[in-house]
Amino acid sequence: MPSFKIDLSTAVVFVATAPTPKMVNKQTGEIAIDKDTRAPLHTVGLLVSDEGEGNLYQVAIPETGLPEGLAPGMPVRVVGLKARDWENEFNGQKRHGISFRAVAITAGA
């Protein structure tokens, strides 16, 4: 499926939740791996505020793109943010949504 670049040039971005490993399978503990960097993926909650609106996004980022000491409340810049729509079927239920992925996060506003 195609992905779409997201322009954050006018937005203010803060860490909402600290990075946690992105799981492929919670029962086995298998962690998702980035196909390009081969690094483990983490999910970070980001609060994005732009044009008077604020939204919370869960963004997958390779471990190599996360700075040390990332904590809730920190202003950050997001490098290479993209959105991709997805759809799957589980136990006869169709589900769909949008996933977010970035190359890296850097400290600072």
PDB file of N, CA and C in Angstrom:
ATOM      1  N   MET A   1       0.839  -1.180   0.000  1.00  0.00           N
ATOM      2  CA  MET A   1       0.000   0.000   0.000  1.00  0.00           C
ATOM      3  C   MET A   1       0.886   1.245   0.000  1.00  0.00           C
ATOM      4  N   PRO A   2       0.433   2.296  -0.645  1.00  0.00           N
ATOM      5  CA  PRO A   2       1.234   3.518  -0.677  1.00  0.00           C
ATOM      6  C   PRO A   2       1.241   4.217   0.676  1.00  0.00           C
ATOM      7  N   SER A   3       2.297   4.982   0.885  1.00  0.00           N
ATOM      8  CA  SER A   3       2.367   5.798   2.101  1.00  0.00           C
ATOM      9  C   SER A   3       2.425   7.258   1.680  1.00  0.00           C
ATOM     10  N   PHE A   4       2.068   8.138   2.618  1.00  0.00           N
ATOM     11  CA  PHE A   4       1.990   9.555   2.329  1.00  0.00           C
ATOM     12  C   PHE A   4       2.835  10.337   3.315  1.00  0.00           C
ATOM     13  N   LYS A   5       3.639  11.281   2.814  1.00  0.00           N
ATOM     14  CA  LYS A   5       4.450  12.132   3.677  1.00  0.00           C
ATOM     15  C   LYS A   5       3.550  13.095   4.430  1.00  0.00           C
ATOM     16  N   ILE A   6       3.916  13.368   5.684  1.00  0.00           N
ATOM     17  CA  ILE A   6       3.181  14.330   6.494  1.00  0.00           C
ATOM     18  C   ILE A   6       4.099  15.510   6.782  1.00  0.00           C
ATOM     19  N   ASP A   7       3.627  16.694   6.442  1.00  0.00           N
ATOM     20  CA  ASP A   7       4.398  17.921   6.629  1.00  0.00           C
ATOM     21  C   ASP A   7       4.158  18.469   8.036  1.00  0.00           C
ATOM     22  N   LEU A   8       5.193  18.500   8.853  1.00  0.00           N
ATOM     23  CA  LEU A   8       5.100  19.036  10.210  1.00  0.00           C
ATOM     24  C   LEU A   8       5.833  20.369  10.348  1.00  0.00           C
ATOM     25  N   SER A   9       6.102  21.036   9.232  1.00  0.00           N
ATOM     26  CA  SER A   9       6.915  22.251   9.267  1.00  0.00           C
ATOM     27  C   SER A   9       6.294  23.374  10.091  1.00  0.00           C
ATOM     28  N   THR A  10       4.977  23.409  10.230  1.00  0.00           N
ATOM     29  CA  THR A  10       4.336  24.457  11.028  1.00  0.00           C
ATOM     30  C   THR A  10       3.814  23.929  12.364  1.00  0.00           C
ATOM     31  N   ALA A  11       4.053  22.681  12.658  1.00  0.00           N
ATOM     32  CA  ALA A  11       3.519  22.051  13.870  1.00  0.00           C
ATOM     33  C   ALA A  11       4.507  22.111  15.031  1.00  0.00           C
ATOM     34  N   VAL A  12       3.952  22.011  16.231  1.00  0.00           N
ATOM     35  CA  VAL A  12       4.740  21.842  17.444  1.00  0.00           C
ATOM     36  C   VAL A  12       4.468  20.409  17.906  1.00  0.00           C
ATOM     37  N   VAL A  13       5.545  19.657  18.196  1.00  0.00           N
ATOM     38  CA  VAL A  13       5.403  18.246  18.542  1.00  0.00           C
ATOM     39  C   VAL A  13       6.038  17.979  19.904  1.00  0.00           C
ATOM     40  N   PHE A  14       5.301  17.275  20.769  1.00  0.00           N
ATOM     41  CA  PHE A  14       5.781  16.876  22.089  1.00  0.00           C
ATOM     42  C   PHE A  14       5.646  15.369  22.244  1.00  0.00           C
ATOM     43  N   VAL A  15       6.533  14.795  23.044  1.00  0.00           N
ATOM     44  CA  VAL A  15       6.404  13.383  23.395  1.00  0.00           C
ATOM     45  C   VAL A  15       5.259  13.258  24.389  1.00  0.00           C
ATOM     46  N   ALA A  16       4.302  12.374  24.086  1.00  0.00           N
ATOM     47  CA  ALA A  16       3.179  12.122  24.987  1.00  0.00           C
ATOM     48  C   ALA A  16       3.433  10.868  25.823  1.00  0.00           C
ATOM     49  N   THR A  17       3.975   9.826  25.184  1.00  0.00           N
ATOM     50  CA  THR A  17       4.308   8.597  25.906  1.00  0.00           C
ATOM     51  C   THR A  17       5.690   8.131  25.480  1.00  0.00           C
ATOM     52  N   ALA A  18       6.439   7.626  26.431  1.00  0.00           N
ATOM     53  CA  ALA A  18       7.807   7.156  26.180  1.00  0.00           C
ATOM     54  C   ALA A  18       7.805   5.970  25.212  1.00  0.00           C
ATOM     55  N   PRO A  19       8.922   5.738  24.527  1.00  0.00           N
ATOM     56  CA  PRO A  19       9.015   4.622  23.586  1.00  0.00           C
ATOM     57  C   PRO A  19       8.819   3.269  24.273  1.00  0.00           C
ATOM     58  N   THR A  20       8.079   2.399  23.595  1.00  0.00           N
ATOM     59  CA  THR A  20       7.919   1.007  24.037  1.00  0.00           C
ATOM     60  C   THR A  20       8.142   0.118  22.821  1.00  0.00           C
ATOM     61  N   PRO A  21       8.671  -1.088  23.023  1.00  0.00           N
ATOM     62  CA  PRO A  21       8.881  -1.980  21.877  1.00  0.00           C
ATOM     63  C   PRO A  21       7.573  -2.271  21.150  1.00  0.00           C
ATOM     64  N   LYS A  22       7.624  -2.257  19.819  1.00  0.00           N
ATOM     65  CA  LYS A  22       6.455  -2.592  18.993  1.00  0.00           C
ATOM     66  C   LYS A  22       6.427  -4.105  18.838  1.00  0.00           C
ATOM     67  N   MET A  23       5.354  -4.706  19.301  1.00  0.00           N
ATOM     68  CA  MET A  23       5.252  -6.159  19.303  1.00  0.00           C
ATOM     69  C   MET A  23       4.603  -6.685  18.031  1.00  0.00           C
ATOM     70  N   VAL A  24       5.171  -7.758  17.497  1.00  0.00           N
ATOM     71  CA  VAL A  24       4.557  -8.485  16.393  1.00  0.00           C
ATOM     72  C   VAL A  24       3.553  -9.463  16.980  1.00  0.00           C
ATOM     73  N   ASN A  25       3.976 -10.104  18.081  1.00  0.00           N
ATOM     74  CA  ASN A  25       3.131 -11.090  18.741  1.00  0.00           C
ATOM     75  C   ASN A  25       3.292 -10.940  20.244  1.00  0.00           C
ATOM     76  N   LYS A  26       2.259 -10.461  20.911  1.00  0.00           N
ATOM     77  CA  LYS A  26       2.338 -10.233  22.354  1.00  0.00           C
ATOM     78  C   LYS A  26       2.474 -11.530  23.138  1.00  0.00           C
ATOM     79  N   GLN A  27       1.930 -12.618  22.614  1.00  0.00           N
ATOM     80  CA  GLN A  27       1.996 -13.901  23.322  1.00  0.00           C
ATOM     81  C   GLN A  27       3.408 -14.471  23.344  1.00  0.00           C
ATOM     82  N   THR A  28       4.143 -14.295  22.235  1.00  0.00           N
ATOM     83  CA  THR A  28       5.500 -14.839  22.182  1.00  0.00           C
ATOM     84  C   THR A  28       6.554 -13.797  22.572  1.00  0.00           C
ATOM     85  N   GLY A  29       6.147 -12.510  22.595  1.00  0.00           N
ATOM     86  CA  GLY A  29       7.092 -11.447  22.914  1.00  0.00           C
ATOM     87  C   GLY A  29       7.941 -11.013  21.730  1.00  0.00           C
ATOM     88  N   GLU A  30       7.576 -11.452  20.522  1.00  0.00           N
ATOM     89  CA  GLU A  30       8.348 -11.107  19.331  1.00  0.00           C
ATOM     90  C   GLU A  30       8.210  -9.614  19.033  1.00  0.00           C
ATOM     91  N   ILE A  31       9.351  -8.941  18.871  1.00  0.00           N
ATOM     92  CA  ILE A  31       9.401  -7.501  18.617  1.00  0.00           C
ATOM     93  C   ILE A  31       9.539  -7.252  17.123  1.00  0.00           C
ATOM     94  N   ALA A  32       8.811  -6.257  16.608  1.00  0.00           N
ATOM     95  CA  ALA A  32       8.871  -5.896  15.192  1.00  0.00           C
ATOM     96  C   ALA A  32      10.249  -5.339  14.847  1.00  0.00           C
ATOM     97  N   ILE A  33      10.702  -5.644  13.637  1.00  0.00           N
ATOM     98  CA  ILE A  33      12.002  -5.205  13.142  1.00  0.00           C
ATOM     99  C   ILE A  33      11.805  -4.338  11.904  1.00  0.00           C
ATOM    100  N   ASP A  34      12.536  -3.215  11.838  1.00  0.00           N
ATOM    101  CA  ASP A  34      12.494  -2.343  10.676  1.00  0.00           C
ATOM    102  C   ASP A  34      13.152  -3.046   9.492  1.00  0.00           C
ATOM    103  N   LYS A  35      12.466  -3.079   8.363  1.00  0.00           N
ATOM    104  CA  LYS A  35      12.981  -3.790   7.189  1.00  0.00           C
ATOM    105  C   LYS A  35      14.218  -3.134   6.591  1.00  0.00           C
ATOM    106  N   ASP A  36      14.328  -1.817   6.716  1.00  0.00           N
ATOM    107  CA  ASP A  36      15.465  -1.109   6.128  1.00  0.00           C
ATOM    108  C   ASP A  36      16.704  -1.147   7.017  1.00  0.00           C
ATOM    109  N   THR A  37      16.540  -0.822   8.298  1.00  0.00           N
ATOM    110  CA  THR A  37      17.698  -0.705   9.196  1.00  0.00           C
ATOM    111  C   THR A  37      17.976  -1.991   9.968  1.00  0.00           C
ATOM    112  N   ARG A  38      17.027  -2.908   9.971  1.00  0.00           N
ATOM    113  CA  ARG A  38      17.109  -4.172  10.737  1.00  0.00           C
ATOM    114  C   ARG A  38      17.136  -3.911  12.244  1.00  0.00           C
ATOM    115  N   ALA A  39      16.769  -2.703  12.657  1.00  0.00           N
ATOM    116  CA  ALA A  39      16.725  -2.333  14.079  1.00  0.00           C
ATOM    117  C   ALA A  39      15.332  -2.633  14.633  1.00  0.00           C
ATOM    118  N   PRO A  40      15.242  -2.936  15.934  1.00  0.00           N
ATOM    119  CA  PRO A  40      13.926  -3.127  16.558  1.00  0.00           C
ATOM    120  C   PRO A  40      13.092  -1.844  16.447  1.00  0.00           C
ATOM    121  N   LEU A  41      11.791  -2.011  16.261  1.00  0.00           N
ATOM    122  CA  LEU A  41      10.881  -0.868  16.191  1.00  0.00           C
ATOM    123  C   LEU A  41      10.303  -0.560  17.556  1.00  0.00           C
ATOM    124  N   HIS A  42      10.093   0.721  17.817  1.00  0.00           N
ATOM    125  CA  HIS A  42       9.451   1.176  19.045  1.00  0.00           C
ATOM    126  C   HIS A  42       8.257   2.049  18.671  1.00  0.00           C
ATOM    127  N   THR A  43       7.288   2.125  19.556  1.00  0.00           N
ATOM    128  CA  THR A  43       6.132   2.994  19.371  1.00  0.00           C
ATOM    129  C   THR A  43       6.242   4.139  20.363  1.00  0.00           C
ATOM    130  N   VAL A  44       6.063   5.368  19.859  1.00  0.00           N
ATOM    131  CA  VAL A  44       6.129   6.565  20.683  1.00  0.00           C
ATOM    132  C   VAL A  44       4.830   7.347  20.481  1.00  0.00           C
ATOM    133  N   GLY A  45       4.222   7.786  21.573  1.00  0.00           N
ATOM    134  CA  GLY A  45       3.046   8.646  21.476  1.00  0.00           C
ATOM    135  C   GLY A  45       3.497  10.075  21.289  1.00  0.00           C
ATOM    136  N   LEU A  46       3.012  10.723  20.229  1.00  0.00           N
ATOM    137  CA  LEU A  46       3.388  12.106  19.945  1.00  0.00           C
ATOM    138  C   LEU A  46       2.147  12.988  19.908  1.00  0.00           C
ATOM    139  N   LEU A  47       2.226  14.117  20.584  1.00  0.00           N
ATOM    140  CA  LEU A  47       1.172  15.118  20.537  1.00  0.00           C
ATOM    141  C   LEU A  47       1.580  16.152  19.502  1.00  0.00           C
ATOM    142  N   VAL A  48       0.785  16.266  18.448  1.00  0.00           N
ATOM    143  CA  VAL A  48       1.080  17.186  17.358  1.00  0.00           C
ATOM    144  C   VAL A  48       0.046  18.308  17.383  1.00  0.00           C
ATOM    145  N   SER A  49       0.537  19.537  17.539  1.00  0.00           N
ATOM    146  CA  SER A  49      -0.337  20.705  17.601  1.00  0.00           C
ATOM    147  C   SER A  49      -0.050  21.597  16.403  1.00  0.00           C
ATOM    148  N   ASP A  50      -1.117  21.897  15.640  1.00  0.00           N
ATOM    149  CA  ASP A  50      -0.954  22.727  14.451  1.00  0.00           C
ATOM    150  C   ASP A  50      -2.286  23.397  14.124  1.00  0.00           C
ATOM    151  N   GLU A  51      -2.236  24.674  13.803  1.00  0.00           N
ATOM    152  CA  GLU A  51      -3.410  25.448  13.416  1.00  0.00           C
ATOM    153  C   GLU A  51      -4.538  25.339  14.446  1.00  0.00           C
ATOM    154  N   GLY A  52      -4.183  25.427  15.732  1.00  0.00           N
ATOM    155  CA  GLY A  52      -5.170  25.424  16.804  1.00  0.00           C
ATOM    156  C   GLY A  52      -5.768  24.073  17.137  1.00  0.00           C
ATOM    157  N   GLU A  53      -5.204  23.011  16.608  1.00  0.00           N
ATOM    158  CA  GLU A  53      -5.711  21.663  16.837  1.00  0.00           C
ATOM    159  C   GLU A  53      -4.589  20.774  17.353  1.00  0.00           C
ATOM    160  N   GLY A  54      -4.897  19.902  18.306  1.00  0.00           N
ATOM    161  CA  GLY A  54      -3.910  18.961  18.813  1.00  0.00           C
ATOM    162  C   GLY A  54      -4.394  17.535  18.642  1.00  0.00           C
ATOM    163  N   ASN A  55      -3.503  16.650  18.206  1.00  0.00           N
ATOM    164  CA  ASN A  55      -3.846  15.247  18.011  1.00  0.00           C
ATOM    165  C   ASN A  55      -2.743  14.358  18.560  1.00  0.00           C
ATOM    166  N   LEU A  56      -3.146  13.211  19.063  1.00  0.00           N
ATOM    167  CA  LEU A  56      -2.198  12.219  19.575  1.00  0.00           C
ATOM    168  C   LEU A  56      -2.027  11.127  18.540  1.00  0.00           C
ATOM    169  N   TYR A  57      -0.772  10.844  18.188  1.00  0.00           N
ATOM    170  CA  TYR A  57      -0.465   9.799  17.216  1.00  0.00           C
ATOM    171  C   TYR A  57       0.504   8.802  17.833  1.00  0.00           C
ATOM    172  N   GLN A  58       0.275   7.528  17.566  1.00  0.00           N
ATOM    173  CA  GLN A  58       1.216   6.481  17.935  1.00  0.00           C
ATOM    174  C   GLN A  58       2.097   6.251  16.710  1.00  0.00           C
ATOM    175  N   VAL A  59       3.393   6.506  16.835  1.00  0.00           N
ATOM    176  CA  VAL A  59       4.304   6.466  15.698  1.00  0.00           C
ATOM    177  C   VAL A  59       5.368   5.387  15.913  1.00  0.00           C
ATOM    178  N   ALA A  60       5.544   4.537  14.904  1.00  0.00           N
ATOM    179  CA  ALA A  60       6.596   3.516  14.942  1.00  0.00           C
ATOM    180  C   ALA A  60       7.898   4.132  14.439  1.00  0.00           C
ATOM    181  N   ILE A  61       8.987   3.897  15.213  1.00  0.00           N
ATOM    182  CA  ILE A  61      10.293   4.468  14.891  1.00  0.00           C
ATOM    183  C   ILE A  61      11.363   3.410  15.186  1.00  0.00           C
ATOM    184  N   PRO A  62      12.334   3.241  14.278  1.00  0.00           N
ATOM    185  CA  PRO A  62      13.413   2.303  14.574  1.00  0.00           C
ATOM    186  C   PRO A  62      14.209   2.761  15.805  1.00  0.00           C
ATOM    187  N   GLU A  63      14.690   1.810  16.570  1.00  0.00           N
ATOM    188  CA  GLU A  63      15.466   2.116  17.777  1.00  0.00           C
ATOM    189  C   GLU A  63      16.646   3.032  17.471  1.00  0.00           C
ATOM    190  N   THR A  64      17.227   2.888  16.289  1.00  0.00           N
ATOM    191  CA  THR A  64      18.374   3.707  15.888  1.00  0.00           C
ATOM    192  C   THR A  64      17.991   5.173  15.685  1.00  0.00           C
ATOM    193  N   GLY A  65      16.683   5.473  15.558  1.00  0.00           N
ATOM    194  CA  GLY A  65      16.227   6.835  15.350  1.00  0.00           C
ATOM    195  C   GLY A  65      15.698   7.508  16.597  1.00  0.00           C
ATOM    196  N   LEU A  66      15.943   6.894  17.763  1.00  0.00           N
ATOM    197  CA  LEU A  66      15.459   7.451  19.034  1.00  0.00           C
ATOM    198  C   LEU A  66      16.611   8.017  19.849  1.00  0.00           C
ATOM    199  N   PRO A  67      16.521   9.279  20.275  1.00  0.00           N
ATOM    200  CA  PRO A  67      17.583   9.828  21.117  1.00  0.00           C
ATOM    201  C   PRO A  67      17.490   9.278  22.538  1.00  0.00           C
ATOM    202  N   GLU A  68      18.596   9.312  23.263  1.00  0.00           N
ATOM    203  CA  GLU A  68      18.623   8.894  24.672  1.00  0.00           C
ATOM    204  C   GLU A  68      17.778   9.851  25.505  1.00  0.00           C
ATOM    205  N   GLY A  69      17.134   9.335  26.532  1.00  0.00           N
ATOM    206  CA  GLY A  69      16.435  10.168  27.493  1.00  0.00           C
ATOM    207  C   GLY A  69      15.124  10.751  27.013  1.00  0.00           C
ATOM    208  N   LEU A  70      14.539  10.185  25.965  1.00  0.00           N
ATOM    209  CA  LEU A  70      13.262  10.675  25.466  1.00  0.00           C
ATOM    210  C   LEU A  70      12.193  10.456  26.531  1.00  0.00           C
ATOM    211  N   ALA A  71      11.481  11.524  26.917  1.00  0.00           N
ATOM    212  CA  ALA A  71      10.504  11.427  28.006  1.00  0.00           C
ATOM    213  C   ALA A  71       9.283  12.286  27.693  1.00  0.00           C
ATOM    214  N   PRO A  72       8.127  11.916  28.273  1.00  0.00           N
ATOM    215  CA  PRO A  72       6.910  12.703  28.069  1.00  0.00           C
ATOM    216  C   PRO A  72       7.120  14.179  28.403  1.00  0.00           C
ATOM    217  N   GLY A  73       6.539  15.042  27.556  1.00  0.00           N
ATOM    218  CA  GLY A  73       6.632  16.485  27.745  1.00  0.00           C
ATOM    219  C   GLY A  73       7.742  17.144  26.946  1.00  0.00           C
ATOM    220  N   MET A  74       8.694  16.354  26.439  1.00  0.00           N
ATOM    221  CA  MET A  74       9.813  16.924  25.685  1.00  0.00           C
ATOM    222  C   MET A  74       9.365  17.396  24.307  1.00  0.00           C
ATOM    223  N   PRO A  75       9.774  18.599  23.901  1.00  0.00           N
ATOM    224  CA  PRO A  75       9.527  19.009  22.516  1.00  0.00           C
ATOM    225  C   PRO A  75      10.497  18.261  21.599  1.00  0.00           C
ATOM    226  N   VAL A  76      10.012  17.821  20.447  1.00  0.00           N
ATOM    227  CA  VAL A  76      10.841  17.055  19.510  1.00  0.00           C
ATOM    228  C   VAL A  76      10.551  17.464  18.074  1.00  0.00           C
ATOM    229  N   ARG A  77      11.462  17.068  17.206  1.00  0.00           N
ATOM    230  CA  ARG A  77      11.252  17.179  15.767  1.00  0.00           C
ATOM    231  C   ARG A  77      11.149  15.753  15.237  1.00  0.00           C
ATOM    232  N   VAL A  78      10.292  15.572  14.252  1.00  0.00           N
ATOM    233  CA  VAL A  78      10.082  14.253  13.672  1.00  0.00           C
ATOM    234  C   VAL A  78      10.638  14.257  12.252  1.00  0.00           C
ATOM    235  N   VAL A  79      11.462  13.264  11.951  1.00  0.00           N
ATOM    236  CA  VAL A  79      12.097  13.156  10.641  1.00  0.00           C
ATOM    237  C   VAL A  79      11.391  12.072   9.830  1.00  0.00           C
ATOM    238  N   GLY A  80      10.947  12.430   8.641  1.00  0.00           N
ATOM    239  CA  GLY A  80      10.397  11.452   7.704  1.00  0.00           C
ATOM    240  C   GLY A  80       9.094  10.800   8.138  1.00  0.00           C
ATOM    241  N   LEU A  81       8.152  11.571   8.660  1.00  0.00           N
ATOM    242  CA  LEU A  81       6.874  11.007   9.095  1.00  0.00           C
ATOM    243  C   LEU A  81       6.010  10.672   7.884  1.00  0.00           C
ATOM    244  N   LYS A  82       5.477   9.456   7.874  1.00  0.00           N
ATOM    245  CA  LYS A  82       4.584   8.996   6.807  1.00  0.00           C
ATOM    246  C   LYS A  82       3.378   8.306   7.412  1.00  0.00           C
ATOM    247  N   ALA A  83       2.274   8.352   6.682  1.00  0.00           N
ATOM    248  CA  ALA A  83       1.047   7.659   7.079  1.00  0.00           C
ATOM    249  C   ALA A  83       0.726   6.609   6.021  1.00  0.00           C
ATOM    250  N   ARG A  84       0.170   5.499   6.490  1.00  0.00           N
ATOM    251  CA  ARG A  84      -0.218   4.410   5.584  1.00  0.00           C
ATOM    252  C   ARG A  84      -1.525   3.822   6.085  1.00  0.00           C
ATOM    253  N   ASP A  85      -2.469   3.602   5.169  1.00  0.00           N
ATOM    254  CA  ASP A  85      -3.709   2.963   5.593  1.00  0.00           C
ATOM    255  C   ASP A  85      -3.517   1.445   5.609  1.00  0.00           C
ATOM    256  N   TRP A  86      -4.285   0.781   6.460  1.00  0.00           N
ATOM    257  CA  TRP A  86      -4.173  -0.674   6.574  1.00  0.00           C
ATOM    258  C   TRP A  86      -5.562  -1.274   6.774  1.00  0.00           C
ATOM    259  N   GLU A  87      -5.636  -2.567   6.465  1.00  0.00           N
ATOM    260  CA  GLU A  87      -6.878  -3.315   6.664  1.00  0.00           C
ATOM    261  C   GLU A  87      -6.514  -4.770   6.894  1.00  0.00           C
ATOM    262  N   ASN A  88      -7.201  -5.403   7.844  1.00  0.00           N
ATOM    263  CA  ASN A  88      -6.992  -6.834   8.059  1.00  0.00           C
ATOM    264  C   ASN A  88      -8.282  -7.460   8.561  1.00  0.00           C
ATOM    265  N   GLU A  89      -8.267  -8.779   8.611  1.00  0.00           N
ATOM    266  CA  GLU A  89      -9.420  -9.508   9.123  1.00  0.00           C
ATOM    267  C   GLU A  89      -8.932 -10.434  10.225  1.00  0.00           C
ATOM    268  N   PHE A  90      -9.625 -10.392  11.368  1.00  0.00           N
ATOM    269  CA  PHE A  90      -9.259 -11.217  12.517  1.00  0.00           C
ATOM    270  C   PHE A  90     -10.535 -11.789  13.108  1.00  0.00           C
ATOM    271  N   ASN A  91     -10.610 -13.108  13.193  1.00  0.00           N
ATOM    272  CA  ASN A  91     -11.809 -13.787  13.707  1.00  0.00           C
ATOM    273  C   ASN A  91     -13.081 -13.316  13.002  1.00  0.00           C
ATOM    274  N   GLY A  92     -13.004 -13.151  11.695  1.00  0.00           N
ATOM    275  CA  GLY A  92     -14.171 -12.748  10.922  1.00  0.00           C
ATOM    276  C   GLY A  92     -14.513 -11.273  10.989  1.00  0.00           C
ATOM    277  N   GLN A  93     -13.746 -10.504  11.749  1.00  0.00           N
ATOM    278  CA  GLN A  93     -13.990  -9.059  11.890  1.00  0.00           C
ATOM    279  C   GLN A  93     -13.003  -8.290  11.007  1.00  0.00           C
ATOM    280  N   LYS A  94     -13.529  -7.449  10.123  1.00  0.00           N
ATOM    281  CA  LYS A  94     -12.645  -6.596   9.333  1.00  0.00           C
ATOM    282  C   LYS A  94     -12.301  -5.361  10.142  1.00  0.00           C
ATOM    283  N   ARG A  95     -11.027  -5.022  10.133  1.00  0.00           N
ATOM    284  CA  ARG A  95     -10.543  -3.832  10.834  1.00  0.00           C
ATOM    285  C   ARG A  95      -9.733  -3.004   9.852  1.00  0.00           C
ATOM    286  N   HIS A  96      -9.705  -1.698  10.084  1.00  0.00           N
ATOM    287  CA  HIS A  96      -8.915  -0.825   9.223  1.00  0.00           C
ATOM    288  C   HIS A  96      -8.502   0.408  10.019  1.00  0.00           C
ATOM    289  N   GLY A  97      -7.492   1.099   9.512  1.00  0.00           N
ATOM    290  CA  GLY A  97      -7.017   2.291  10.193  1.00  0.00           C
ATOM    291  C   GLY A  97      -5.859   2.916   9.450  1.00  0.00           C
ATOM    292  N   ILE A  98      -5.152   3.797  10.141  1.00  0.00           N
ATOM    293  CA  ILE A  98      -3.981   4.463   9.583  1.00  0.00           C
ATOM    294  C   ILE A  98      -2.828   4.244  10.547  1.00  0.00           C
ATOM    295  N   SER A  99      -1.695   3.814  10.017  1.00  0.00           N
ATOM    296  CA  SER A  99      -0.495   3.667  10.848  1.00  0.00           C
ATOM    297  C   SER A  99       0.484   4.779  10.490  1.00  0.00           C
ATOM    298  N   PHE A 100       1.305   5.146  11.469  1.00  0.00           N
ATOM    299  CA  PHE A 100       2.266   6.232  11.303  1.00  0.00           C
ATOM    300  C   PHE A 100       3.667   5.697  11.542  1.00  0.00           C
ATOM    301  N   ARG A 101       4.611   6.153  10.705  1.00  0.00           N
ATOM    302  CA  ARG A 101       5.979   5.679  10.793  1.00  0.00           C
ATOM    303  C   ARG A 101       6.908   6.853  10.557  1.00  0.00           C
ATOM    304  N   ALA A 102       8.005   6.916  11.301  1.00  0.00           N
ATOM    305  CA  ALA A 102       8.996   7.966  11.097  1.00  0.00           C
ATOM    306  C   ALA A 102      10.389   7.345  11.050  1.00  0.00           C
ATOM    307  N   VAL A 103      11.309   8.059  10.450  1.00  0.00           N
ATOM    308  CA  VAL A 103      12.697   7.617  10.374  1.00  0.00           C
ATOM    309  C   VAL A 103      13.394   7.851  11.706  1.00  0.00           C
ATOM    310  N   ALA A 104      13.109   9.020  12.325  1.00  0.00           N
ATOM    311  CA  ALA A 104      13.777   9.387  13.579  1.00  0.00           C
ATOM    312  C   ALA A 104      13.049  10.511  14.283  1.00  0.00           C
ATOM    313  N   ILE A 105      13.427  10.676  15.554  1.00  0.00           N
ATOM    314  CA  ILE A 105      12.990  11.816  16.361  1.00  0.00           C
ATOM    315  C   ILE A 105      14.267  12.479  16.864  1.00  0.00           C
ATOM    316  N   THR A 106      14.276  13.815  16.843  1.00  0.00           N
ATOM    317  CA  THR A 106      15.411  14.536  17.401  1.00  0.00           C
ATOM    318  C   THR A 106      14.895  15.469  18.495  1.00  0.00           C
ATOM    319  N   ALA A 107      15.711  15.721  19.499  1.00  0.00           N
ATOM    320  CA  ALA A 107      15.318  16.607  20.596  1.00  0.00           C
ATOM    321  C   ALA A 107      15.258  18.038  20.105  1.00  0.00           C
ATOM    322  N   GLY A 108      14.357  18.822  20.704  1.00  0.00           N
ATOM    323  CA  GLY A 108      14.263  20.246  20.378  1.00  0.00           C
ATOM    324  C   GLY A 108      13.015  20.583  19.614  1.00  0.00           C
ATOM    325  N   ALA A 109      12.606  21.827  19.740  1.00  0.00           N
ATOM    326  CA  ALA A 109      11.361  22.249  19.063  1.00  0.00           C
ATOM    327  C   ALA A 109      11.647  22.933  17.749  1.00  0.00           C
TER     328      ALA A 109
END
